[in-house]
Amino acid sequence: MDNPQRAAVAVLCNYLLDNGQKGSLSVYDYAQQRHLQFMIMSNGKDVVIHDYDRSCDITGRFPSYYDYGVSRYINLTKIGSNVYNVFDYNQGSYLMVTVKGKSITVFDYQKSQYYNYSMN
């Protein structure tokens, strides 16, 4: 998974674990060394996350979301109180996303690498 999409998935997992905070938010992506902007909207079941950097949305409801930036689904499985396994149908690979407060760590199994984000 590429950096911009990975950041959007991190935001999605944070949203699901953070009592559904809606509105605009900024995320610092340490790999890209810059802030990324998102808008989160929800009707209580369905969620739309607009990614300003990629000019696209991720939409759906747990556990399946459609990423319009890559025209593929991602599926989430909650494996702990603050951890999700994410399957990316675009790359055919898994991520593990851990949320601790305002910090998000993503392990990309395909790249065998950790990526870190901070919610602002």
PDB file of N, CA and C in Angstrom:
ATOM      1  N   MET A   1       0.850  -1.178   0.000  1.00  0.00           N
ATOM      2  CA  MET A   1       0.000   0.000   0.000  1.00  0.00           C
ATOM      3  C   MET A   1       0.895   1.240   0.000  1.00  0.00           C
ATOM      4  N   ASP A   2       0.518   2.256  -0.752  1.00  0.00           N
ATOM      5  CA  ASP A   2       1.335   3.461  -0.798  1.00  0.00           C
ATOM      6  C   ASP A   2       1.040   4.363   0.402  1.00  0.00           C
ATOM      7  N   ASN A   3       1.943   5.332   0.626  1.00  0.00           N
ATOM      8  CA  ASN A   3       1.829   6.201   1.797  1.00  0.00           C
ATOM      9  C   ASN A   3       0.498   6.935   1.902  1.00  0.00           C
ATOM     10  N   PRO A   4       0.010   7.595   0.844  1.00  0.00           N
ATOM     11  CA  PRO A   4      -1.244   8.333   0.994  1.00  0.00           C
ATOM     12  C   PRO A   4      -2.434   7.439   1.351  1.00  0.00           C
ATOM     13  N   GLN A   5      -2.544   6.273   0.728  1.00  0.00           N
ATOM     14  CA  GLN A   5      -3.651   5.376   1.056  1.00  0.00           C
ATOM     15  C   GLN A   5      -3.503   4.825   2.469  1.00  0.00           C
ATOM     16  N   ARG A   6      -2.292   4.503   2.868  1.00  0.00           N
ATOM     17  CA  ARG A   6      -2.031   3.972   4.207  1.00  0.00           C
ATOM     18  C   ARG A   6      -2.455   4.988   5.267  1.00  0.00           C
ATOM     19  N   ALA A   7      -2.188   6.253   5.030  1.00  0.00           N
ATOM     20  CA  ALA A   7      -2.594   7.301   5.974  1.00  0.00           C
ATOM     21  C   ALA A   7      -4.110   7.369   6.088  1.00  0.00           C
ATOM     22  N   ALA A   8      -4.809   7.239   4.967  1.00  0.00           N
ATOM     23  CA  ALA A   8      -6.275   7.273   4.990  1.00  0.00           C
ATOM     24  C   ALA A   8      -6.837   6.087   5.760  1.00  0.00           C
ATOM     25  N   VAL A   9      -6.234   4.921   5.628  1.00  0.00           N
ATOM     26  CA  VAL A   9      -6.667   3.741   6.379  1.00  0.00           C
ATOM     27  C   VAL A   9      -6.415   3.950   7.875  1.00  0.00           C
ATOM     28  N   ALA A  10      -5.301   4.580   8.218  1.00  0.00           N
ATOM     29  CA  ALA A  10      -5.017   4.894   9.616  1.00  0.00           C
ATOM     30  C   ALA A  10      -6.099   5.808  10.193  1.00  0.00           C
ATOM     31  N   VAL A  11      -6.525   6.798   9.413  1.00  0.00           N
ATOM     32  CA  VAL A  11      -7.591   7.707   9.847  1.00  0.00           C
ATOM     33  C   VAL A  11      -8.901   6.943  10.038  1.00  0.00           C
ATOM     34  N   LEU A  12      -9.224   6.048   9.128  1.00  0.00           N
ATOM     35  CA  LEU A  12     -10.437   5.236   9.245  1.00  0.00           C
ATOM     36  C   LEU A  12     -10.421   4.421  10.544  1.00  0.00           C
ATOM     37  N   CYS A  13      -9.325   3.742  10.813  1.00  0.00           N
ATOM     38  CA  CYS A  13      -9.237   2.927  12.033  1.00  0.00           C
ATOM     39  C   CYS A  13      -9.317   3.803  13.278  1.00  0.00           C
ATOM     40  N   ASN A  14      -8.677   4.964  13.255  1.00  0.00           N
ATOM     41  CA  ASN A  14      -8.775   5.888  14.384  1.00  0.00           C
ATOM     42  C   ASN A  14     -10.220   6.323  14.600  1.00  0.00           C
ATOM     43  N   TYR A  15     -10.921   6.629  13.513  1.00  0.00           N
ATOM     44  CA  TYR A  15     -12.326   7.027  13.606  1.00  0.00           C
ATOM     45  C   TYR A  15     -13.151   5.927  14.281  1.00  0.00           C
ATOM     46  N   LEU A  16     -12.960   4.696  13.868  1.00  0.00           N
ATOM     47  CA  LEU A  16     -13.736   3.581  14.410  1.00  0.00           C
ATOM     48  C   LEU A  16     -13.439   3.340  15.883  1.00  0.00           C
ATOM     49  N   LEU A  17     -12.231   3.625  16.332  1.00  0.00           N
ATOM     50  CA  LEU A  17     -11.854   3.398  17.733  1.00  0.00           C
ATOM     51  C   LEU A  17     -12.002   4.624  18.617  1.00  0.00           C
ATOM     52  N   ASP A  18     -12.234   5.783  18.012  1.00  0.00           N
ATOM     53  CA  ASP A  18     -12.246   7.043  18.763  1.00  0.00           C
ATOM     54  C   ASP A  18     -13.655   7.613  18.900  1.00  0.00           C
ATOM     55  N   ASN A  19     -14.630   6.744  19.116  1.00  0.00           N
ATOM     56  CA  ASN A  19     -16.023   7.163  19.327  1.00  0.00           C
ATOM     57  C   ASN A  19     -16.587   7.999  18.193  1.00  0.00           C
ATOM     58  N   GLY A  20     -16.091   7.798  17.006  1.00  0.00           N
ATOM     59  CA  GLY A  20     -16.682   8.416  15.831  1.00  0.00           C
ATOM     60  C   GLY A  20     -16.544   9.915  15.722  1.00  0.00           C
ATOM     61  N   GLN A  21     -15.361  10.453  16.008  1.00  0.00           N
ATOM     62  CA  GLN A  21     -15.139  11.887  15.856  1.00  0.00           C
ATOM     63  C   GLN A  21     -15.340  12.282  14.400  1.00  0.00           C
ATOM     64  N   LYS A  22     -16.244  13.229  14.155  1.00  0.00           N
ATOM     65  CA  LYS A  22     -16.521  13.678  12.786  1.00  0.00           C
ATOM     66  C   LYS A  22     -15.968  15.076  12.568  1.00  0.00           C
ATOM     67  N   GLY A  23     -15.964  15.494  11.305  1.00  0.00           N
ATOM     68  CA  GLY A  23     -15.490  16.818  10.953  1.00  0.00           C
ATOM     69  C   GLY A  23     -14.123  16.768  10.315  1.00  0.00           C
ATOM     70  N   SER A  24     -13.496  17.932  10.222  1.00  0.00           N
ATOM     71  CA  SER A  24     -12.182  17.988   9.580  1.00  0.00           C
ATOM     72  C   SER A  24     -11.094  17.699  10.603  1.00  0.00           C
ATOM     73  N   LEU A  25     -10.034  17.070  10.120  1.00  0.00           N
ATOM     74  CA  LEU A  25      -8.910  16.786  11.002  1.00  0.00           C
ATOM     75  C   LEU A  25      -7.627  16.739  10.206  1.00  0.00           C
ATOM     76  N   SER A  26      -6.546  16.896  10.932  1.00  0.00           N
ATOM     77  CA  SER A  26      -5.224  16.872  10.347  1.00  0.00           C
ATOM     78  C   SER A  26      -4.450  15.706  10.960  1.00  0.00           C
ATOM     79  N   VAL A  27      -3.690  15.031  10.123  1.00  0.00           N
ATOM     80  CA  VAL A  27      -2.881  13.903  10.552  1.00  0.00           C
ATOM     81  C   VAL A  27      -1.453  14.149  10.099  1.00  0.00           C
ATOM     82  N   TYR A  28      -0.512  13.943  11.011  1.00  0.00           N
ATOM     83  CA  TYR A  28       0.892  14.065  10.611  1.00  0.00           C
ATOM     84  C   TYR A  28       1.393  12.693  10.199  1.00  0.00           C
ATOM     85  N   ASP A  29       1.900  12.606   8.987  1.00  0.00           N
ATOM     86  CA  ASP A  29       2.445  11.375   8.435  1.00  0.00           C
ATOM     87  C   ASP A  29       3.967  11.482   8.519  1.00  0.00           C
ATOM     88  N   TYR A  30       4.569  10.686   9.404  1.00  0.00           N
ATOM     89  CA  TYR A  30       6.014  10.763   9.609  1.00  0.00           C
ATOM     90  C   TYR A  30       6.794  10.284   8.380  1.00  0.00           C
ATOM     91  N   ALA A  31       6.265   9.343   7.615  1.00  0.00           N
ATOM     92  CA  ALA A  31       6.952   8.862   6.416  1.00  0.00           C
ATOM     93  C   ALA A  31       7.032   9.954   5.349  1.00  0.00           C
ATOM     94  N   GLN A  32       5.933  10.701   5.208  1.00  0.00           N
ATOM     95  CA  GLN A  32       5.907  11.781   4.213  1.00  0.00           C
ATOM     96  C   GLN A  32       6.393  13.103   4.795  1.00  0.00           C
ATOM     97  N   GLN A  33       6.544  13.152   6.117  1.00  0.00           N
ATOM     98  CA  GLN A  33       6.984  14.341   6.848  1.00  0.00           C
ATOM     99  C   GLN A  33       6.122  15.560   6.548  1.00  0.00           C
ATOM    100  N   ARG A  34       4.799  15.341   6.627  1.00  0.00           N
ATOM    101  CA  ARG A  34       3.881  16.465   6.411  1.00  0.00           C
ATOM    102  C   ARG A  34       2.502  16.144   6.968  1.00  0.00           C
ATOM    103  N   HIS A  35       1.704  17.203   7.120  1.00  0.00           N
ATOM    104  CA  HIS A  35       0.324  17.050   7.582  1.00  0.00           C
ATOM    105  C   HIS A  35      -0.593  16.747   6.400  1.00  0.00           C
ATOM    106  N   LEU A  36      -1.562  15.877   6.636  1.00  0.00           N
ATOM    107  CA  LEU A  36      -2.570  15.528   5.640  1.00  0.00           C
ATOM    108  C   LEU A  36      -3.938  15.907   6.195  1.00  0.00           C
ATOM    109  N   GLN A  37      -4.833  16.342   5.323  1.00  0.00           N
ATOM    110  CA  GLN A  37      -6.153  16.806   5.745  1.00  0.00           C
ATOM    111  C   GLN A  37      -7.238  15.821   5.312  1.00  0.00           C
ATOM    112  N   PHE A  38      -8.189  15.590   6.226  1.00  0.00           N
ATOM    113  CA  PHE A  38      -9.312  14.692   5.981  1.00  0.00           C
ATOM    114  C   PHE A  38     -10.593  15.315   6.504  1.00  0.00           C
ATOM    115  N   MET A  39     -11.715  14.875   5.946  1.00  0.00           N
ATOM    116  CA  MET A  39     -13.049  15.238   6.448  1.00  0.00           C
ATOM    117  C   MET A  39     -13.798  13.931   6.666  1.00  0.00           C
ATOM    118  N   ILE A  40     -14.384  13.779   7.863  1.00  0.00           N
ATOM    119  CA  ILE A  40     -15.122  12.566   8.194  1.00  0.00           C
ATOM    120  C   ILE A  40     -16.591  12.919   8.379  1.00  0.00           C
ATOM    121  N   MET A  41     -17.453  12.177   7.670  1.00  0.00           N
ATOM    122  CA  MET A  41     -18.905  12.340   7.783  1.00  0.00           C
ATOM    123  C   MET A  41     -19.520  10.966   8.033  1.00  0.00           C
ATOM    124  N   SER A  42     -20.595  10.936   8.823  1.00  0.00           N
ATOM    125  CA  SER A  42     -21.242   9.657   9.112  1.00  0.00           C
ATOM    126  C   SER A  42     -22.693   9.883   9.479  1.00  0.00           C
ATOM    127  N   ASN A  43     -23.539   8.898   9.129  1.00  0.00           N
ATOM    128  CA  ASN A  43     -24.939   8.937   9.537  1.00  0.00           C
ATOM    129  C   ASN A  43     -25.191   7.964  10.693  1.00  0.00           C
ATOM    130  N   GLY A  44     -24.124   7.487  11.298  1.00  0.00           N
ATOM    131  CA  GLY A  44     -24.236   6.544  12.397  1.00  0.00           C
ATOM    132  C   GLY A  44     -23.886   5.126  12.009  1.00  0.00           C
ATOM    133  N   LYS A  45     -24.100   4.775  10.753  1.00  0.00           N
ATOM    134  CA  LYS A  45     -23.738   3.439  10.263  1.00  0.00           C
ATOM    135  C   LYS A  45     -22.695   3.541   9.163  1.00  0.00           C
ATOM    136  N   ASP A  46     -23.018   4.309   8.127  1.00  0.00           N
ATOM    137  CA  ASP A  46     -22.096   4.492   7.009  1.00  0.00           C
ATOM    138  C   ASP A  46     -21.151   5.650   7.317  1.00  0.00           C
ATOM    139  N   VAL A  47     -19.927   5.525   6.837  1.00  0.00           N
ATOM    140  CA  VAL A  47     -18.944   6.582   7.039  1.00  0.00           C
ATOM    141  C   VAL A  47     -18.355   6.968   5.681  1.00  0.00           C
ATOM    142  N   VAL A  48     -18.063   8.248   5.552  1.00  0.00           N
ATOM    143  CA  VAL A  48     -17.353   8.776   4.380  1.00  0.00           C
ATOM    144  C   VAL A  48     -16.159   9.542   4.906  1.00  0.00           C
ATOM    145  N   ILE A  49     -14.980   9.148   4.453  1.00  0.00           N
ATOM    146  CA  ILE A  49     -13.761   9.878   4.794  1.00  0.00           C
ATOM    147  C   ILE A  49     -13.232  10.483   3.509  1.00  0.00           C
ATOM    148  N   HIS A  50     -13.238  11.813   3.457  1.00  0.00           N
ATOM    149  CA  HIS A  50     -12.702  12.489   2.271  1.00  0.00           C
ATOM    150  C   HIS A  50     -11.226  12.765   2.509  1.00  0.00           C
ATOM    151  N   ASP A  51     -10.419  12.326   1.586  1.00  0.00           N
ATOM    152  CA  ASP A  51      -8.972  12.489   1.623  1.00  0.00           C
ATOM    153  C   ASP A  51      -8.619  13.625   0.668  1.00  0.00           C
ATOM    154  N   TYR A  52      -8.270  14.786   1.234  1.00  0.00           N
ATOM    155  CA  TYR A  52      -7.968  15.949   0.393  1.00  0.00           C
ATOM    156  C   TYR A  52      -6.693  15.746  -0.419  1.00  0.00           C
ATOM    157  N   ASP A  53      -5.733  15.024   0.127  1.00  0.00           N
ATOM    158  CA  ASP A  53      -4.467  14.811  -0.568  1.00  0.00           C
ATOM    159  C   ASP A  53      -4.667  13.994  -1.842  1.00  0.00           C
ATOM    160  N   ARG A  54      -5.497  12.960  -1.756  1.00  0.00           N
ATOM    161  CA  ARG A  54      -5.742  12.094  -2.917  1.00  0.00           C
ATOM    162  C   ARG A  54      -6.984  12.517  -3.695  1.00  0.00           C
ATOM    163  N   SER A  55      -7.730  13.492  -3.200  1.00  0.00           N
ATOM    164  CA  SER A  55      -8.973  13.973  -3.835  1.00  0.00           C
ATOM    165  C   SER A  55      -9.958  12.831  -4.084  1.00  0.00           C
ATOM    166  N   CYS A  56     -10.203  12.032  -3.032  1.00  0.00           N
ATOM    167  CA  CYS A  56     -11.127  10.914  -3.163  1.00  0.00           C
ATOM    168  C   CYS A  56     -11.708  10.560  -1.794  1.00  0.00           C
ATOM    169  N   ASP A  57     -12.647   9.624  -1.796  1.00  0.00           N
ATOM    170  CA  ASP A  57     -13.311   9.184  -0.570  1.00  0.00           C
ATOM    171  C   ASP A  57     -13.056   7.714  -0.302  1.00  0.00           C
ATOM    172  N   ILE A  58     -13.146   7.359   0.979  1.00  0.00           N
ATOM    173  CA  ILE A  58     -13.302   5.985   1.419  1.00  0.00           C
ATOM    174  C   ILE A  58     -14.678   5.925   2.058  1.00  0.00           C
ATOM    175  N   THR A  59     -15.534   5.011   1.590  1.00  0.00           N
ATOM    176  CA  THR A  59     -16.901   4.944   2.087  1.00  0.00           C
ATOM    177  C   THR A  59     -17.271   3.513   2.457  1.00  0.00           C
ATOM    178  N   GLY A  60     -18.239   3.390   3.354  1.00  0.00           N
ATOM    179  CA  GLY A  60     -18.752   2.073   3.703  1.00  0.00           C
ATOM    180  C   GLY A  60     -19.141   1.979   5.149  1.00  0.00           C
ATOM    181  N   ARG A  61     -19.328   0.736   5.585  1.00  0.00           N
ATOM    182  CA  ARG A  61     -19.610   0.458   6.992  1.00  0.00           C
ATOM    183  C   ARG A  61     -18.839  -0.791   7.381  1.00  0.00           C
ATOM    184  N   PHE A  62     -18.545  -0.892   8.658  1.00  0.00           N
ATOM    185  CA  PHE A  62     -17.735  -1.996   9.150  1.00  0.00           C
ATOM    186  C   PHE A  62     -18.361  -3.323   8.766  1.00  0.00           C
ATOM    187  N   PRO A  63     -17.600  -4.241   8.194  1.00  0.00           N
ATOM    188  CA  PRO A  63     -16.131  -4.292   8.063  1.00  0.00           C
ATOM    189  C   PRO A  63     -15.603  -3.958   6.672  1.00  0.00           C
ATOM    190  N   SER A  64     -16.470  -3.514   5.739  1.00  0.00           N
ATOM    191  CA  SER A  64     -16.050  -3.355   4.345  1.00  0.00           C
ATOM    192  C   SER A  64     -16.161  -1.893   3.899  1.00  0.00           C
ATOM    193  N   TYR A  65     -15.082  -1.385   3.303  1.00  0.00           N
ATOM    194  CA  TYR A  65     -15.024   0.003   2.843  1.00  0.00           C
ATOM    195  C   TYR A  65     -14.460   0.036   1.428  1.00  0.00           C
ATOM    196  N   TYR A  66     -14.972   0.970   0.636  1.00  0.00           N
ATOM    197  CA  TYR A  66     -14.516   1.109  -0.746  1.00  0.00           C
ATOM    198  C   TYR A  66     -13.635   2.345  -0.845  1.00  0.00           C
ATOM    199  N   ASP A  67     -12.432   2.167  -1.346  1.00  0.00           N
ATOM    200  CA  ASP A  67     -11.485   3.264  -1.530  1.00  0.00           C
ATOM    201  C   ASP A  67     -11.541   3.696  -2.994  1.00  0.00           C
ATOM    202  N   TYR A  68     -12.150   4.853  -3.236  1.00  0.00           N
ATOM    203  CA  TYR A  68     -12.296   5.355  -4.605  1.00  0.00           C
ATOM    204  C   TYR A  68     -10.957   5.778  -5.210  1.00  0.00           C
ATOM    205  N   GLY A  69      -9.944   5.996  -4.378  1.00  0.00           N
ATOM    206  CA  GLY A  69      -8.626   6.377  -4.886  1.00  0.00           C
ATOM    207  C   GLY A  69      -7.941   5.258  -5.652  1.00  0.00           C
ATOM    208  N   VAL A  70      -8.248   4.015  -5.297  1.00  0.00           N
ATOM    209  CA  VAL A  70      -7.654   2.859  -5.985  1.00  0.00           C
ATOM    210  C   VAL A  70      -8.722   1.952  -6.584  1.00  0.00           C
ATOM    211  N   SER A  71      -9.996   2.333  -6.406  1.00  0.00           N
ATOM    212  CA  SER A  71     -11.142   1.578  -6.937  1.00  0.00           C
ATOM    213  C   SER A  71     -11.145   0.121  -6.467  1.00  0.00           C
ATOM    214  N   ARG A  72     -10.892  -0.060  -5.174  1.00  0.00           N
ATOM    215  CA  ARG A  72     -10.879  -1.392  -4.572  1.00  0.00           C
ATOM    216  C   ARG A  72     -11.396  -1.316  -3.137  1.00  0.00           C
ATOM    217  N   TYR A  73     -11.818  -2.476  -2.631  1.00  0.00           N
ATOM    218  CA  TYR A  73     -12.277  -2.573  -1.252  1.00  0.00           C
ATOM    219  C   TYR A  73     -11.120  -2.812  -0.298  1.00  0.00           C
ATOM    220  N   ILE A  74     -11.356  -2.421   0.955  1.00  0.00           N
ATOM    221  CA  ILE A  74     -10.520  -2.834   2.071  1.00  0.00           C
ATOM    222  C   ILE A  74     -11.462  -3.432   3.111  1.00  0.00           C
ATOM    223  N   ASN A  75     -11.028  -4.467   3.789  1.00  0.00           N
ATOM    224  CA  ASN A  75     -11.822  -5.103   4.842  1.00  0.00           C
ATOM    225  C   ASN A  75     -11.063  -5.039   6.150  1.00  0.00           C
ATOM    226  N   LEU A  76     -11.791  -4.759   7.226  1.00  0.00           N
ATOM    227  CA  LEU A  76     -11.194  -4.642   8.544  1.00  0.00           C
ATOM    228  C   LEU A  76     -11.681  -5.768   9.443  1.00  0.00           C
ATOM    229  N   THR A  77     -10.784  -6.265  10.278  1.00  0.00           N
ATOM    230  CA  THR A  77     -11.112  -7.231  11.310  1.00  0.00           C
ATOM    231  C   THR A  77     -10.513  -6.720  12.611  1.00  0.00           C
ATOM    232  N   LYS A  78     -11.354  -6.518  13.622  1.00  0.00           N
ATOM    233  CA  LYS A  78     -10.848  -6.053  14.913  1.00  0.00           C
ATOM    234  C   LYS A  78     -10.244  -7.245  15.638  1.00  0.00           C
ATOM    235  N   ILE A  79      -8.961  -7.130  16.032  1.00  0.00           N
ATOM    236  CA  ILE A  79      -8.272  -8.252  16.674  1.00  0.00           C
ATOM    237  C   ILE A  79      -7.841  -7.932  18.107  1.00  0.00           C
ATOM    238  N   GLY A  80      -8.161  -6.750  18.581  1.00  0.00           N
ATOM    239  CA  GLY A  80      -7.840  -6.332  19.937  1.00  0.00           C
ATOM    240  C   GLY A  80      -8.616  -5.082  20.257  1.00  0.00           C
ATOM    241  N   SER A  81      -8.516  -4.599  21.475  1.00  0.00           N
ATOM    242  CA  SER A  81      -9.297  -3.420  21.864  1.00  0.00           C
ATOM    243  C   SER A  81      -8.917  -2.184  21.059  1.00  0.00           C
ATOM    244  N   ASN A  82      -7.697  -2.139  20.550  1.00  0.00           N
ATOM    245  CA  ASN A  82      -7.259  -0.981  19.768  1.00  0.00           C
ATOM    246  C   ASN A  82      -6.465  -1.375  18.524  1.00  0.00           C
ATOM    247  N   VAL A  83      -6.738  -2.594  18.007  1.00  0.00           N
ATOM    248  CA  VAL A  83      -5.962  -3.102  16.872  1.00  0.00           C
ATOM    249  C   VAL A  83      -6.892  -3.664  15.798  1.00  0.00           C
ATOM    250  N   TYR A  84      -6.598  -3.309  14.543  1.00  0.00           N
ATOM    251  CA  TYR A  84      -7.314  -3.848  13.389  1.00  0.00           C
ATOM    252  C   TYR A  84      -6.338  -4.524  12.440  1.00  0.00           C
ATOM    253  N   ASN A  85      -6.747  -5.634  11.866  1.00  0.00           N
ATOM    254  CA  ASN A  85      -6.102  -6.189  10.683  1.00  0.00           C
ATOM    255  C   ASN A  85      -6.882  -5.657   9.492  1.00  0.00           C
ATOM    256  N   VAL A  86      -6.186  -5.200   8.492  1.00  0.00           N
ATOM    257  CA  VAL A  86      -6.808  -4.617   7.306  1.00  0.00           C
ATOM    258  C   VAL A  86      -6.323  -5.387   6.088  1.00  0.00           C
ATOM    259  N   PHE A  87      -7.266  -5.880   5.275  1.00  0.00           N
ATOM    260  CA  PHE A  87      -6.890  -6.516   4.010  1.00  0.00           C
ATOM    261  C   PHE A  87      -7.149  -5.544   2.883  1.00  0.00           C
ATOM    262  N   ASP A  88      -6.125  -5.294   2.093  1.00  0.00           N
ATOM    263  CA  ASP A  88      -6.167  -4.366   0.963  1.00  0.00           C
ATOM    264  C   ASP A  88      -6.321  -5.170  -0.328  1.00  0.00           C
ATOM    265  N   TYR A  89      -7.497  -5.090  -0.941  1.00  0.00           N
ATOM    266  CA  TYR A  89      -7.737  -5.834  -2.175  1.00  0.00           C
ATOM    267  C   TYR A  89      -6.952  -5.278  -3.360  1.00  0.00           C
ATOM    268  N   ASN A  90      -6.510  -4.038  -3.271  1.00  0.00           N
ATOM    269  CA  ASN A  90      -5.718  -3.451  -4.352  1.00  0.00           C
ATOM    270  C   ASN A  90      -4.356  -4.139  -4.457  1.00  0.00           C
ATOM    271  N   GLN A  91      -3.689  -4.336  -3.341  1.00  0.00           N
ATOM    272  CA  GLN A  91      -2.365  -4.950  -3.329  1.00  0.00           C
ATOM    273  C   GLN A  91      -2.403  -6.427  -2.943  1.00  0.00           C
ATOM    274  N   GLY A  92      -3.567  -6.887  -2.433  1.00  0.00           N
ATOM    275  CA  GLY A  92      -3.659  -8.265  -1.970  1.00  0.00           C
ATOM    276  C   GLY A  92      -2.793  -8.511  -0.747  1.00  0.00           C
ATOM    277  N   SER A  93      -2.742  -7.510   0.148  1.00  0.00           N
ATOM    278  CA  SER A  93      -1.853  -7.616   1.305  1.00  0.00           C
ATOM    279  C   SER A  93      -2.556  -7.109   2.567  1.00  0.00           C
ATOM    280  N   TYR A  94      -1.902  -7.352   3.697  1.00  0.00           N
ATOM    281  CA  TYR A  94      -2.448  -6.986   5.005  1.00  0.00           C
ATOM    282  C   TYR A  94      -1.668  -5.857   5.662  1.00  0.00           C
ATOM    283  N   LEU A  95      -2.406  -5.115   6.487  1.00  0.00           N
ATOM    284  CA  LEU A  95      -1.830  -4.133   7.398  1.00  0.00           C
ATOM    285  C   LEU A  95      -2.317  -4.473   8.796  1.00  0.00           C
ATOM    286  N   MET A  96      -1.543  -4.105   9.813  1.00  0.00           N
ATOM    287  CA  MET A  96      -2.028  -4.147  11.185  1.00  0.00           C
ATOM    288  C   MET A  96      -1.963  -2.722  11.713  1.00  0.00           C
ATOM    289  N   VAL A  97      -3.123  -2.206  12.155  1.00  0.00           N
ATOM    290  CA  VAL A  97      -3.222  -0.820  12.593  1.00  0.00           C
ATOM    291  C   VAL A  97      -3.485  -0.799  14.098  1.00  0.00           C
ATOM    292  N   THR A  98      -2.616  -0.119  14.844  1.00  0.00           N
ATOM    293  CA  THR A  98      -2.750   0.006  16.293  1.00  0.00           C
ATOM    294  C   THR A  98      -2.941   1.470  16.642  1.00  0.00           C
ATOM    295  N   VAL A  99      -3.998   1.774  17.399  1.00  0.00           N
ATOM    296  CA  VAL A  99      -4.307   3.144  17.798  1.00  0.00           C
ATOM    297  C   VAL A  99      -4.098   3.273  19.304  1.00  0.00           C
ATOM    298  N   LYS A 100      -3.254   4.229  19.706  1.00  0.00           N
ATOM    299  CA  LYS A 100      -3.016   4.510  21.123  1.00  0.00           C
ATOM    300  C   LYS A 100      -3.127   6.011  21.320  1.00  0.00           C
ATOM    301  N   GLY A 101      -4.289   6.439  21.806  1.00  0.00           N
ATOM    302  CA  GLY A 101      -4.509   7.874  21.967  1.00  0.00           C
ATOM    303  C   GLY A 101      -4.482   8.563  20.623  1.00  0.00           C
ATOM    304  N   LYS A 102      -3.602   9.540  20.477  1.00  0.00           N
ATOM    305  CA  LYS A 102      -3.488  10.276  19.214  1.00  0.00           C
ATOM    306  C   LYS A 102      -2.426   9.692  18.289  1.00  0.00           C
ATOM    307  N   SER A 103      -1.811   8.586  18.699  1.00  0.00           N
ATOM    308  CA  SER A 103      -0.770   7.954  17.886  1.00  0.00           C
ATOM    309  C   SER A 103      -1.312   6.711  17.201  1.00  0.00           C
ATOM    310  N   ILE A 104      -0.948   6.554  15.943  1.00  0.00           N
ATOM    311  CA  ILE A 104      -1.367   5.394  15.157  1.00  0.00           C
ATOM    312  C   ILE A 104      -0.112   4.774  14.552  1.00  0.00           C
ATOM    313  N   THR A 105       0.015   3.468  14.718  1.00  0.00           N
ATOM    314  CA  THR A 105       1.120   2.732  14.118  1.00  0.00           C
ATOM    315  C   THR A 105       0.541   1.725  13.144  1.00  0.00           C
ATOM    316  N   VAL A 106       1.081   1.701  11.946  1.00  0.00           N
ATOM    317  CA  VAL A 106       0.636   0.764  10.912  1.00  0.00           C
ATOM    318  C   VAL A 106       1.815  -0.117  10.536  1.00  0.00           C
ATOM    319  N   PHE A 107       1.613  -1.437  10.621  1.00  0.00           N
ATOM    320  CA  PHE A 107       2.619  -2.363  10.117  1.00  0.00           C
ATOM    321  C   PHE A 107       2.131  -2.882   8.780  1.00  0.00           C
ATOM    322  N   ASP A 108       2.910  -2.657   7.737  1.00  0.00           N
ATOM    323  CA  ASP A 108       2.597  -3.099   6.390  1.00  0.00           C
ATOM    324  C   ASP A 108       3.337  -4.410   6.152  1.00  0.00           C
ATOM    325  N   TYR A 109       2.592  -5.511   6.111  1.00  0.00           N
ATOM    326  CA  TYR A 109       3.208  -6.830   5.947  1.00  0.00           C
ATOM    327  C   TYR A 109       3.913  -6.974   4.604  1.00  0.00           C
ATOM    328  N   GLN A 110       3.382  -6.344   3.566  1.00  0.00           N
ATOM    329  CA  GLN A 110       3.994  -6.446   2.239  1.00  0.00           C
ATOM    330  C   GLN A 110       5.377  -5.807   2.225  1.00  0.00           C
ATOM    331  N   LYS A 111       5.522  -4.693   2.936  1.00  0.00           N
ATOM    332  CA  LYS A 111       6.793  -3.972   2.962  1.00  0.00           C
ATOM    333  C   LYS A 111       7.636  -4.328   4.187  1.00  0.00           C
ATOM    334  N   SER A 112       7.055  -5.098   5.123  1.00  0.00           N
ATOM    335  CA  SER A 112       7.723  -5.447   6.387  1.00  0.00           C
ATOM    336  C   SER A 112       8.257  -4.202   7.084  1.00  0.00           C
ATOM    337  N   GLN A 113       7.382  -3.190   7.201  1.00  0.00           N
ATOM    338  CA  GLN A 113       7.813  -1.906   7.741  1.00  0.00           C
ATOM    339  C   GLN A 113       6.695  -1.264   8.558  1.00  0.00           C
ATOM    340  N   TYR A 114       7.101  -0.518   9.605  1.00  0.00           N
ATOM    341  CA  TYR A 114       6.166   0.251  10.426  1.00  0.00           C
ATOM    342  C   TYR A 114       6.065   1.677   9.897  1.00  0.00           C
ATOM    343  N   TYR A 115       4.857   2.246  10.012  1.00  0.00           N
ATOM    344  CA  TYR A 115       4.598   3.641   9.647  1.00  0.00           C
ATOM    345  C   TYR A 115       3.853   4.289  10.797  1.00  0.00           C
ATOM    346  N   ASN A 116       4.202   5.543  11.114  1.00  0.00           N
ATOM    347  CA  ASN A 116       3.622   6.221  12.261  1.00  0.00           C
ATOM    348  C   ASN A 116       2.905   7.498  11.854  1.00  0.00           C
ATOM    349  N   TYR A 117       1.791   7.747  12.575  1.00  0.00           N
ATOM    350  CA  TYR A 117       0.941   8.899  12.324  1.00  0.00           C
ATOM    351  C   TYR A 117       0.548   9.511  13.664  1.00  0.00           C
ATOM    352  N   SER A 118       0.285  10.800  13.636  1.00  0.00           N
ATOM    353  CA  SER A 118      -0.176  11.493  14.821  1.00  0.00           C
ATOM    354  C   SER A 118      -1.393  12.337  14.481  1.00  0.00           C
ATOM    355  N   MET A 119      -2.478  12.131  15.221  1.00  0.00           N
ATOM    356  CA  MET A 119      -3.703  12.903  15.011  1.00  0.00           C
ATOM    357  C   MET A 119      -3.550  14.261  15.681  1.00  0.00           C
ATOM    358  N   ASN A 120      -4.005  15.303  15.016  1.00  0.00           N
ATOM    359  CA  ASN A 120      -3.950  16.654  15.597  1.00  0.00           C
ATOM    360  C   ASN A 120      -5.335  17.124  15.963  1.00  0.00           C
TER     361      ASN A 120
END
